[in-house]
Amino acid sequence: EAIYNKYQEFAIPEEEAEWVGLSLEEAIEKQ
């Protein structure tokens, strides 16, 4: 819990985190 609270300011919804850093080809395949 201490580690998660330490970096809590960077937390975003899981639906958005799944797409971070994907190339366009990877995103198309995921979609």
Full PDB file with SEQRES, HELIX, SHEET, SSBOND, CRYST1, ORIGX, SCALE, CONECT and MASTER records, all heavy atoms in Angstrom:
SEQRES   1 A   31  GLU ALA ILE TYR ASN LYS TYR GLN GLU PHE ALA ILE PRO          
SEQRES   2 A   31  GLU GLU GLU ALA GLU TRP VAL GLY LEU SER LEU GLU GLU          
SEQRES   3 A   31  ALA ILE GLU LYS GLN                                          
HELIX    1 AA1 ALA A    2  LYS A    6  1                                   5    
HELIX    2 AA2 GLN A    8  PHE A   10  5                                   3    
HELIX    3 AA3 GLU A   14  ALA A   17  1                                   4    
HELIX    4 AA4 LEU A   24  LYS A   30  1                                   7    
CRYST1    1.000    1.000    1.000  90.00  90.00  90.00 P 1           1          
ORIGX1      1.000000  0.000000  0.000000        0.00000                         
ORIGX2      0.000000  1.000000  0.000000        0.00000                         
ORIGX3      0.000000  0.000000  1.000000        0.00000                         
SCALE1      1.000000  0.000000  0.000000        0.00000                         
SCALE2      0.000000  1.000000  0.000000        0.00000                         
SCALE3      0.000000  0.000000  1.000000        0.00000                         
ATOM      1  N   GLU A   1       0.822  -1.205   0.000  1.00  0.00           N  
ATOM      2  CA  GLU A   1       0.000   0.000   0.000  1.00  0.00           C  
ATOM      3  C   GLU A   1       0.857   1.257   0.000  1.00  0.00           C  
ATOM      4  O   GLU A   1       0.491   2.264  -0.621  1.00  0.00           O  
ATOM      5  CB  GLU A   1      -0.933  -0.006   1.210  1.00  0.00           C  
ATOM      6  CG  GLU A   1      -2.033  -1.036   1.120  1.00  0.00           C  
ATOM      7  CD  GLU A   1      -2.910  -0.836  -0.104  1.00  0.00           C  
ATOM      8  OE1 GLU A   1      -3.230   0.332  -0.400  1.00  0.00           O  
ATOM      9  OE2 GLU A   1      -3.262  -1.834  -0.760  1.00  0.00           O  
ATOM     10  N   ALA A   2       2.002   1.209   0.687  1.00  0.00           N  
ATOM     11  CA  ALA A   2       2.895   2.370   0.708  1.00  0.00           C  
ATOM     12  C   ALA A   2       3.437   2.662  -0.693  1.00  0.00           C  
ATOM     13  O   ALA A   2       3.537   3.832  -1.099  1.00  0.00           O  
ATOM     14  CB  ALA A   2       4.042   2.130   1.688  1.00  0.00           C  
ATOM     15  N   ILE A   3       3.764   1.623  -1.448  1.00  0.00           N  
ATOM     16  CA  ILE A   3       4.280   1.811  -2.814  1.00  0.00           C  
ATOM     17  C   ILE A   3       3.183   2.353  -3.722  1.00  0.00           C  
ATOM     18  O   ILE A   3       3.408   3.294  -4.498  1.00  0.00           O  
ATOM     19  CB  ILE A   3       4.844   0.483  -3.354  1.00  0.00           C  
ATOM     20  CG1 ILE A   3       6.101   0.090  -2.585  1.00  0.00           C  
ATOM     21  CG2 ILE A   3       5.142   0.598  -4.846  1.00  0.00           C  
ATOM     22  CD1 ILE A   3       6.672  -1.255  -2.996  1.00  0.00           C  
ATOM     23  N   TYR A   4       1.978   1.800  -3.622  1.00  0.00           N  
ATOM     24  CA  TYR A   4       0.887   2.275  -4.470  1.00  0.00           C  
ATOM     25  C   TYR A   4       0.524   3.722  -4.136  1.00  0.00           C  
ATOM     26  O   TYR A   4       0.220   4.520  -5.035  1.00  0.00           O  
ATOM     27  CB  TYR A   4      -0.339   1.378  -4.310  1.00  0.00           C  
ATOM     28  CG  TYR A   4      -0.188   0.026  -4.981  1.00  0.00           C  
ATOM     29  CD1 TYR A   4      -0.811  -1.108  -4.475  1.00  0.00           C  
ATOM     30  CD2 TYR A   4       0.572  -0.115  -6.141  1.00  0.00           C  
ATOM     31  CE1 TYR A   4      -0.679  -2.339  -5.098  1.00  0.00           C  
ATOM     32  CE2 TYR A   4       0.717  -1.327  -6.754  1.00  0.00           C  
ATOM     33  CZ  TYR A   4       0.086  -2.451  -6.235  1.00  0.00           C  
ATOM     34  OH  TYR A   4       0.229  -3.664  -6.859  1.00  0.00           O  
ATOM     35  N   ASN A   5       0.551   4.073  -2.884  1.00  0.00           N  
ATOM     36  CA  ASN A   5       0.250   5.453  -2.495  1.00  0.00           C  
ATOM     37  C   ASN A   5       1.352   6.413  -2.940  1.00  0.00           C  
ATOM     38  O   ASN A   5       1.089   7.584  -3.234  1.00  0.00           O  
ATOM     39  CB  ASN A   5       0.051   5.543  -0.990  1.00  0.00           C  
ATOM     40  CG  ASN A   5      -1.193   4.790  -0.529  1.00  0.00           C  
ATOM     41  OD1 ASN A   5      -2.139   4.616  -1.296  1.00  0.00           O  
ATOM     42  ND2 ASN A   5      -1.188   4.334   0.710  1.00  0.00           N  
ATOM     43  N   LYS A   6       2.574   5.924  -2.990  1.00  0.00           N  
ATOM     44  CA  LYS A   6       3.705   6.762  -3.397  1.00  0.00           C  
ATOM     45  C   LYS A   6       3.564   7.228  -4.845  1.00  0.00           C  
ATOM     46  O   LYS A   6       3.927   8.363  -5.189  1.00  0.00           O  
ATOM     47  CB  LYS A   6       5.014   5.981  -3.209  1.00  0.00           C  
ATOM     48  CG  LYS A   6       6.269   6.732  -3.603  1.00  0.00           C  
ATOM     49  CD  LYS A   6       7.501   5.879  -3.360  1.00  0.00           C  
ATOM     50  CE  LYS A   6       8.784   6.602  -3.767  1.00  0.00           C  
ATOM     51  NZ  LYS A   6       9.990   5.749  -3.537  1.00  0.00           N  
ATOM     52  N   TYR A   7       3.023   6.353  -5.697  1.00  0.00           N  
ATOM     53  CA  TYR A   7       2.897   6.663  -7.130  1.00  0.00           C  
ATOM     54  C   TYR A   7       1.431   6.878  -7.530  1.00  0.00           C  
ATOM     55  O   TYR A   7       1.089   6.774  -8.712  1.00  0.00           O  
ATOM     56  CB  TYR A   7       3.485   5.527  -7.969  1.00  0.00           C  
ATOM     57  CG  TYR A   7       4.944   5.248  -7.691  1.00  0.00           C  
ATOM     58  CD1 TYR A   7       5.328   4.235  -6.816  1.00  0.00           C  
ATOM     59  CD2 TYR A   7       5.940   6.010  -8.283  1.00  0.00           C  
ATOM     60  CE1 TYR A   7       6.660   3.980  -6.554  1.00  0.00           C  
ATOM     61  CE2 TYR A   7       7.273   5.762  -8.037  1.00  0.00           C  
ATOM     62  CZ  TYR A   7       7.631   4.745  -7.161  1.00  0.00           C  
ATOM     63  OH  TYR A   7       8.955   4.503  -6.900  1.00  0.00           O  
ATOM     64  N   GLN A   8       0.581   7.190  -6.572  1.00  0.00           N  
ATOM     65  CA  GLN A   8      -0.842   7.339  -6.842  1.00  0.00           C  
ATOM     66  C   GLN A   8      -1.139   8.474  -7.813  1.00  0.00           C  
ATOM     67  O   GLN A   8      -2.117   8.440  -8.562  1.00  0.00           O  
ATOM     68  CB  GLN A   8      -1.601   7.549  -5.538  1.00  0.00           C  
ATOM     69  CG  GLN A   8      -3.112   7.576  -5.679  1.00  0.00           C  
ATOM     70  CD  GLN A   8      -3.674   6.289  -6.236  1.00  0.00           C  
ATOM     71  OE1 GLN A   8      -3.117   5.200  -5.998  1.00  0.00           O  
ATOM     72  NE2 GLN A   8      -4.757   6.381  -7.003  1.00  0.00           N  
ATOM     73  N   GLU A   9      -0.295   9.500  -7.844  1.00  0.00           N  
ATOM     74  CA  GLU A   9      -0.553  10.650  -8.711  1.00  0.00           C  
ATOM     75  C   GLU A   9      -0.497  10.289 -10.188  1.00  0.00           C  
ATOM     76  O   GLU A   9      -1.046  11.012 -11.033  1.00  0.00           O  
ATOM     77  CB  GLU A   9       0.465  11.754  -8.418  1.00  0.00           C  
ATOM     78  CG  GLU A   9       1.914  11.329  -8.656  1.00  0.00           C  
ATOM     79  CD  GLU A   9       2.891  12.458  -8.415  1.00  0.00           C  
ATOM     80  OE1 GLU A   9       2.720  13.517  -9.052  1.00  0.00           O  
ATOM     81  OE2 GLU A   9       3.812  12.281  -7.599  1.00  0.00           O  
ATOM     82  N   PHE A  10       0.147   9.181 -10.530  1.00  0.00           N  
ATOM     83  CA  PHE A  10       0.262   8.770 -11.929  1.00  0.00           C  
ATOM     84  C   PHE A  10      -0.813   7.770 -12.327  1.00  0.00           C  
ATOM     85  O   PHE A  10      -0.864   7.379 -13.498  1.00  0.00           O  
ATOM     86  CB  PHE A  10       1.635   8.145 -12.190  1.00  0.00           C  
ATOM     87  CG  PHE A  10       2.798   9.042 -11.836  1.00  0.00           C  
ATOM     88  CD1 PHE A  10       3.513   8.839 -10.671  1.00  0.00           C  
ATOM     89  CD2 PHE A  10       3.156  10.089 -12.661  1.00  0.00           C  
ATOM     90  CE1 PHE A  10       4.575   9.652 -10.342  1.00  0.00           C  
ATOM     91  CE2 PHE A  10       4.215  10.917 -12.344  1.00  0.00           C  
ATOM     92  CZ  PHE A  10       4.926  10.703 -11.180  1.00  0.00           C  
ATOM     93  N   ALA A  11      -1.654   7.345 -11.391  1.00  0.00           N  
ATOM     94  CA  ALA A  11      -2.652   6.317 -11.682  1.00  0.00           C  
ATOM     95  C   ALA A  11      -3.719   6.860 -12.628  1.00  0.00           C  
ATOM     96  O   ALA A  11      -4.176   7.990 -12.491  1.00  0.00           O  
ATOM     97  CB  ALA A  11      -3.292   5.822 -10.387  1.00  0.00           C  
ATOM     98  N   ILE A  12      -4.090   6.046 -13.597  1.00  0.00           N  
ATOM     99  CA  ILE A  12      -5.151   6.365 -14.549  1.00  0.00           C  
ATOM    100  C   ILE A  12      -6.067   5.149 -14.636  1.00  0.00           C  
ATOM    101  O   ILE A  12      -5.703   4.049 -14.200  1.00  0.00           O  
ATOM    102  CB  ILE A  12      -4.588   6.722 -15.942  1.00  0.00           C  
ATOM    103  CG1 ILE A  12      -3.780   5.551 -16.512  1.00  0.00           C  
ATOM    104  CG2 ILE A  12      -3.726   7.974 -15.874  1.00  0.00           C  
ATOM    105  CD1 ILE A  12      -3.282   5.792 -17.920  1.00  0.00           C  
ATOM    106  N   PRO A  13      -7.280   5.299 -15.195  1.00  0.00           N  
ATOM    107  CA  PRO A  13      -8.171   4.135 -15.321  1.00  0.00           C  
ATOM    108  C   PRO A  13      -7.525   3.004 -16.113  1.00  0.00           C  
ATOM    109  O   PRO A  13      -6.724   3.225 -17.021  1.00  0.00           O  
ATOM    110  CB  PRO A  13      -9.392   4.709 -16.042  1.00  0.00           C  
ATOM    111  CG  PRO A  13      -9.373   6.173 -15.735  1.00  0.00           C  
ATOM    112  CD  PRO A  13      -7.933   6.547 -15.631  1.00  0.00           C  
ATOM    113  N   GLU A  14      -7.893   1.800 -15.750  1.00  0.00           N  
ATOM    114  CA  GLU A  14      -7.309   0.627 -16.408  1.00  0.00           C  
ATOM    115  C   GLU A  14      -7.625   0.615 -17.899  1.00  0.00           C  
ATOM    116  O   GLU A  14      -6.800   0.162 -18.713  1.00  0.00           O  
ATOM    117  CB  GLU A  14      -7.838  -0.645 -15.740  1.00  0.00           C  
ATOM    118  CG  GLU A  14      -7.264  -1.925 -16.317  1.00  0.00           C  
ATOM    119  CD  GLU A  14      -7.792  -3.162 -15.620  1.00  0.00           C  
ATOM    120  OE1 GLU A  14      -8.467  -3.002 -14.579  1.00  0.00           O  
ATOM    121  OE2 GLU A  14      -7.538  -4.277 -16.126  1.00  0.00           O  
ATOM    122  N   GLU A  15      -8.819   1.119 -18.280  1.00  0.00           N  
ATOM    123  CA  GLU A  15      -9.190   1.131 -19.697  1.00  0.00           C  
ATOM    124  C   GLU A  15      -8.239   1.995 -20.522  1.00  0.00           C  
ATOM    125  O   GLU A  15      -8.015   1.717 -21.704  1.00  0.00           O  
ATOM    126  CB  GLU A  15     -10.624   1.639 -19.870  1.00  0.00           C  
ATOM    127  CG  GLU A  15     -11.682   0.740 -19.244  1.00  0.00           C  
ATOM    128  CD  GLU A  15     -11.739   0.873 -17.731  1.00  0.00           C  
ATOM    129  OE1 GLU A  15     -11.121   1.843 -17.221  1.00  0.00           O  
ATOM    130  OE2 GLU A  15     -12.359   0.032 -17.070  1.00  0.00           O  
ATOM    131  N   GLU A  16      -7.691   3.042 -19.928  1.00  0.00           N  
ATOM    132  CA  GLU A  16      -6.729   3.882 -20.638  1.00  0.00           C  
ATOM    133  C   GLU A  16      -5.318   3.323 -20.546  1.00  0.00           C  
ATOM    134  O   GLU A  16      -4.539   3.426 -21.495  1.00  0.00           O  
ATOM    135  CB  GLU A  16      -6.762   5.304 -20.066  1.00  0.00           C  
ATOM    136  CG  GLU A  16      -8.077   6.027 -20.261  1.00  0.00           C  
ATOM    137  CD  GLU A  16      -8.018   7.458 -19.762  1.00  0.00           C  
ATOM    138  OE1 GLU A  16      -6.895   7.963 -19.562  1.00  0.00           O  
ATOM    139  OE2 GLU A  16      -9.080   8.065 -19.548  1.00  0.00           O  
ATOM    140  N   ALA A  17      -4.973   2.750 -19.398  1.00  0.00           N  
ATOM    141  CA  ALA A  17      -3.619   2.230 -19.216  1.00  0.00           C  
ATOM    142  C   ALA A  17      -3.309   1.103 -20.194  1.00  0.00           C  
ATOM    143  O   ALA A  17      -2.150   0.920 -20.596  1.00  0.00           O  
ATOM    144  CB  ALA A  17      -3.438   1.748 -17.779  1.00  0.00           C  
ATOM    145  N   GLU A  18      -4.331   0.338 -20.593  1.00  0.00           N  
ATOM    146  CA  GLU A  18      -4.108  -0.773 -21.516  1.00  0.00           C  
ATOM    147  C   GLU A  18      -3.610  -0.319 -22.884  1.00  0.00           C  
ATOM    148  O   GLU A  18      -3.008  -1.110 -23.617  1.00  0.00           O  
ATOM    149  CB  GLU A  18      -5.400  -1.574 -21.689  1.00  0.00           C  
ATOM    150  CG  GLU A  18      -5.840  -2.335 -20.450  1.00  0.00           C  
ATOM    151  CD  GLU A  18      -7.137  -3.079 -20.674  1.00  0.00           C  
ATOM    152  OE1 GLU A  18      -7.806  -2.762 -21.684  1.00  0.00           O  
ATOM    153  OE2 GLU A  18      -7.469  -3.956 -19.867  1.00  0.00           O  
ATOM    154  N   TRP A  19      -3.865   0.938 -23.241  1.00  0.00           N  
ATOM    155  CA  TRP A  19      -3.521   1.430 -24.579  1.00  0.00           C  
ATOM    156  C   TRP A  19      -2.264   2.287 -24.586  1.00  0.00           C  
ATOM    157  O   TRP A  19      -1.800   2.704 -25.664  1.00  0.00           O  
ATOM    158  CB  TRP A  19      -4.686   2.242 -25.141  1.00  0.00           C  
ATOM    159  CG  TRP A  19      -5.927   1.436 -25.332  1.00  0.00           C  
ATOM    160  CD1 TRP A  19      -6.876   1.153 -24.403  1.00  0.00           C  
ATOM    161  CD2 TRP A  19      -6.349   0.781 -26.535  1.00  0.00           C  
ATOM    162  NE1 TRP A  19      -7.867   0.378 -24.937  1.00  0.00           N  
ATOM    163  CE2 TRP A  19      -7.571   0.143 -26.247  1.00  0.00           C  
ATOM    164  CE3 TRP A  19      -5.830   0.708 -27.820  1.00  0.00           C  
ATOM    165  CZ2 TRP A  19      -8.268  -0.582 -27.210  1.00  0.00           C  
ATOM    166  CZ3 TRP A  19      -6.528  -0.005 -28.780  1.00  0.00           C  
ATOM    167  CH2 TRP A  19      -7.727  -0.638 -28.472  1.00  0.00           C  
ATOM    168  N   VAL A  20      -1.682   2.564 -23.442  1.00  0.00           N  
ATOM    169  CA  VAL A  20      -0.511   3.448 -23.369  1.00  0.00           C  
ATOM    170  C   VAL A  20       0.676   2.770 -24.042  1.00  0.00           C  
ATOM    171  O   VAL A  20       1.006   1.619 -23.752  1.00  0.00           O  
ATOM    172  CB  VAL A  20      -0.174   3.778 -21.904  1.00  0.00           C  
ATOM    173  CG1 VAL A  20       1.161   4.516 -21.820  1.00  0.00           C  
ATOM    174  CG2 VAL A  20      -1.278   4.616 -21.281  1.00  0.00           C  
ATOM    175  N   GLY A  21       1.329   3.490 -24.937  1.00  0.00           N  
ATOM    176  CA  GLY A  21       2.549   3.001 -25.552  1.00  0.00           C  
ATOM    177  C   GLY A  21       2.373   2.021 -26.685  1.00  0.00           C  
ATOM    178  O   GLY A  21       3.367   1.551 -27.253  1.00  0.00           O  
ATOM    179  N   LEU A  22       1.138   1.697 -27.060  1.00  0.00           N  
ATOM    180  CA  LEU A  22       0.933   0.765 -28.169  1.00  0.00           C  
ATOM    181  C   LEU A  22       1.179   1.460 -29.493  1.00  0.00           C  
ATOM    182  O   LEU A  22       0.771   2.609 -29.693  1.00  0.00           O  
ATOM    183  CB  LEU A  22      -0.496   0.214 -28.141  1.00  0.00           C  
ATOM    184  CG  LEU A  22      -0.893  -0.695 -26.971  1.00  0.00           C  
ATOM    185  CD1 LEU A  22      -2.331  -1.133 -27.139  1.00  0.00           C  
ATOM    186  CD2 LEU A  22       0.017  -1.899 -26.872  1.00  0.00           C  
ATOM    187  N   SER A  23       1.845   0.763 -30.401  1.00  0.00           N  
ATOM    188  CA  SER A  23       1.984   1.288 -31.753  1.00  0.00           C  
ATOM    189  C   SER A  23       0.626   1.186 -32.456  1.00  0.00           C  
ATOM    190  O   SER A  23      -0.290   0.503 -31.991  1.00  0.00           O  
ATOM    191  CB  SER A  23       3.038   0.505 -32.530  1.00  0.00           C  
ATOM    192  OG  SER A  23       2.640  -0.842 -32.686  1.00  0.00           O  
ATOM    193  N   LEU A  24       0.493   1.860 -33.595  1.00  0.00           N  
ATOM    194  CA  LEU A  24      -0.784   1.839 -34.313  1.00  0.00           C  
ATOM    195  C   LEU A  24      -1.134   0.428 -34.747  1.00  0.00           C  
ATOM    196  O   LEU A  24      -2.306   0.024 -34.679  1.00  0.00           O  
ATOM    197  CB  LEU A  24      -0.708   2.776 -35.520  1.00  0.00           C  
ATOM    198  CG  LEU A  24      -2.005   2.926 -36.331  1.00  0.00           C  
ATOM    199  CD1 LEU A  24      -3.140   3.423 -35.430  1.00  0.00           C  
ATOM    200  CD2 LEU A  24      -1.807   3.874 -37.500  1.00  0.00           C  
ATOM    201  N   GLU A  25      -0.150  -0.344 -35.177  1.00  0.00           N  
ATOM    202  CA  GLU A  25      -0.424  -1.722 -35.600  1.00  0.00           C  
ATOM    203  C   GLU A  25      -0.895  -2.563 -34.409  1.00  0.00           C  
ATOM    204  O   GLU A  25      -1.822  -3.376 -34.535  1.00  0.00           O  
ATOM    205  CB  GLU A  25       0.834  -2.337 -36.216  1.00  0.00           C  
ATOM    206  CG  GLU A  25       1.212  -1.769 -37.572  1.00  0.00           C  
ATOM    207  CD  GLU A  25       1.790  -0.364 -37.482  1.00  0.00           C  
ATOM    208  OE1 GLU A  25       2.199   0.021 -36.357  1.00  0.00           O  
ATOM    209  OE2 GLU A  25       1.814   0.343 -38.501  1.00  0.00           O  
ATOM    210  N   GLU A  26      -0.264  -2.380 -33.247  1.00  0.00           N  
ATOM    211  CA  GLU A  26      -0.690  -3.129 -32.062  1.00  0.00           C  
ATOM    212  C   GLU A  26      -2.088  -2.714 -31.621  1.00  0.00           C  
ATOM    213  O   GLU A  26      -2.893  -3.550 -31.197  1.00  0.00           O  
ATOM    214  CB  GLU A  26       0.314  -2.906 -30.931  1.00  0.00           C  
ATOM    215  CG  GLU A  26       1.685  -3.509 -31.184  1.00  0.00           C  
ATOM    216  CD  GLU A  26       2.690  -3.138 -30.119  1.00  0.00           C  
ATOM    217  OE1 GLU A  26       2.471  -2.127 -29.419  1.00  0.00           O  
ATOM    218  OE2 GLU A  26       3.692  -3.855 -29.980  1.00  0.00           O  
ATOM    219  N   ALA A  27      -2.381  -1.412 -31.703  1.00  0.00           N  
ATOM    220  CA  ALA A  27      -3.710  -0.937 -31.306  1.00  0.00           C  
ATOM    221  C   ALA A  27      -4.789  -1.470 -32.249  1.00  0.00           C  
ATOM    222  O   ALA A  27      -5.883  -1.843 -31.801  1.00  0.00           O  
ATOM    223  CB  ALA A  27      -3.729   0.588 -31.293  1.00  0.00           C  
ATOM    224  N   ILE A  28      -4.500  -1.530 -33.548  1.00  0.00           N  
ATOM    225  CA  ILE A  28      -5.475  -2.063 -34.506  1.00  0.00           C  
ATOM    226  C   ILE A  28      -5.742  -3.536 -34.214  1.00  0.00           C  
ATOM    227  O   ILE A  28      -6.892  -4.004 -34.245  1.00  0.00           O  
ATOM    228  CB  ILE A  28      -4.968  -1.853 -35.943  1.00  0.00           C  
ATOM    229  CG1 ILE A  28      -4.988  -0.362 -36.299  1.00  0.00           C  
ATOM    230  CG2 ILE A  28      -5.808  -2.645 -36.937  1.00  0.00           C  
ATOM    231  CD1 ILE A  28      -4.397  -0.049 -37.654  1.00  0.00           C  
ATOM    232  N   GLU A  29      -4.692  -4.301 -33.936  1.00  0.00           N  
ATOM    233  CA  GLU A  29      -4.879  -5.714 -33.630  1.00  0.00           C  
ATOM    234  C   GLU A  29      -5.664  -5.901 -32.337  1.00  0.00           C  
ATOM    235  O   GLU A  29      -6.531  -6.776 -32.244  1.00  0.00           O  
ATOM    236  CB  GLU A  29      -3.510  -6.404 -33.525  1.00  0.00           C  
ATOM    237  CG  GLU A  29      -3.566  -7.883 -33.196  1.00  0.00           C  
ATOM    238  CD  GLU A  29      -4.242  -8.709 -34.275  1.00  0.00           C  
ATOM    239  OE1 GLU A  29      -4.384  -8.210 -35.411  1.00  0.00           O  
ATOM    240  OE2 GLU A  29      -4.635  -9.854 -33.973  1.00  0.00           O  
ATOM    241  N   LYS A  30      -5.396  -5.057 -31.337  1.00  0.00           N  
ATOM    242  CA  LYS A  30      -6.136  -5.137 -30.085  1.00  0.00           C  
ATOM    243  C   LYS A  30      -7.618  -4.816 -30.306  1.00  0.00           C  
ATOM    244  O   LYS A  30      -8.499  -5.508 -29.774  1.00  0.00           O  
ATOM    245  CB  LYS A  30      -5.533  -4.167 -29.074  1.00  0.00           C  
ATOM    246  CG  LYS A  30      -6.187  -4.166 -27.691  1.00  0.00           C  
ATOM    247  CD  LYS A  30      -5.503  -3.185 -26.767  1.00  0.00           C  
ATOM    248  CE  LYS A  30      -6.166  -3.164 -25.404  1.00  0.00           C  
ATOM    249  NZ  LYS A  30      -6.011  -4.444 -24.684  1.00  0.00           N  
ATOM    250  N   GLN A  31      -7.893  -3.780 -31.093  1.00  0.00           N  
ATOM    251  CA  GLN A  31      -9.280  -3.425 -31.390  1.00  0.00           C  
ATOM    252  C   GLN A  31      -9.972  -4.525 -32.192  1.00  0.00           C  
ATOM    253  O   GLN A  31     -11.158  -4.821 -31.969  1.00  0.00           O  
ATOM    254  CB  GLN A  31      -9.324  -2.104 -32.157  1.00  0.00           C  
ATOM    255  CG  GLN A  31     -10.708  -1.578 -32.463  1.00  0.00           C  
ATOM    256  CD  GLN A  31     -11.449  -1.151 -31.216  1.00  0.00           C  
ATOM    257  OE1 GLN A  31     -10.846  -0.878 -30.194  1.00  0.00           O  
ATOM    258  NE2 GLN A  31     -12.771  -1.074 -31.311  1.00  0.00           N  
TER     259      GLN A  31                                                      
MASTER        0    0    0    4    0    0    0    6  258    1    0    3          
END                                                                             
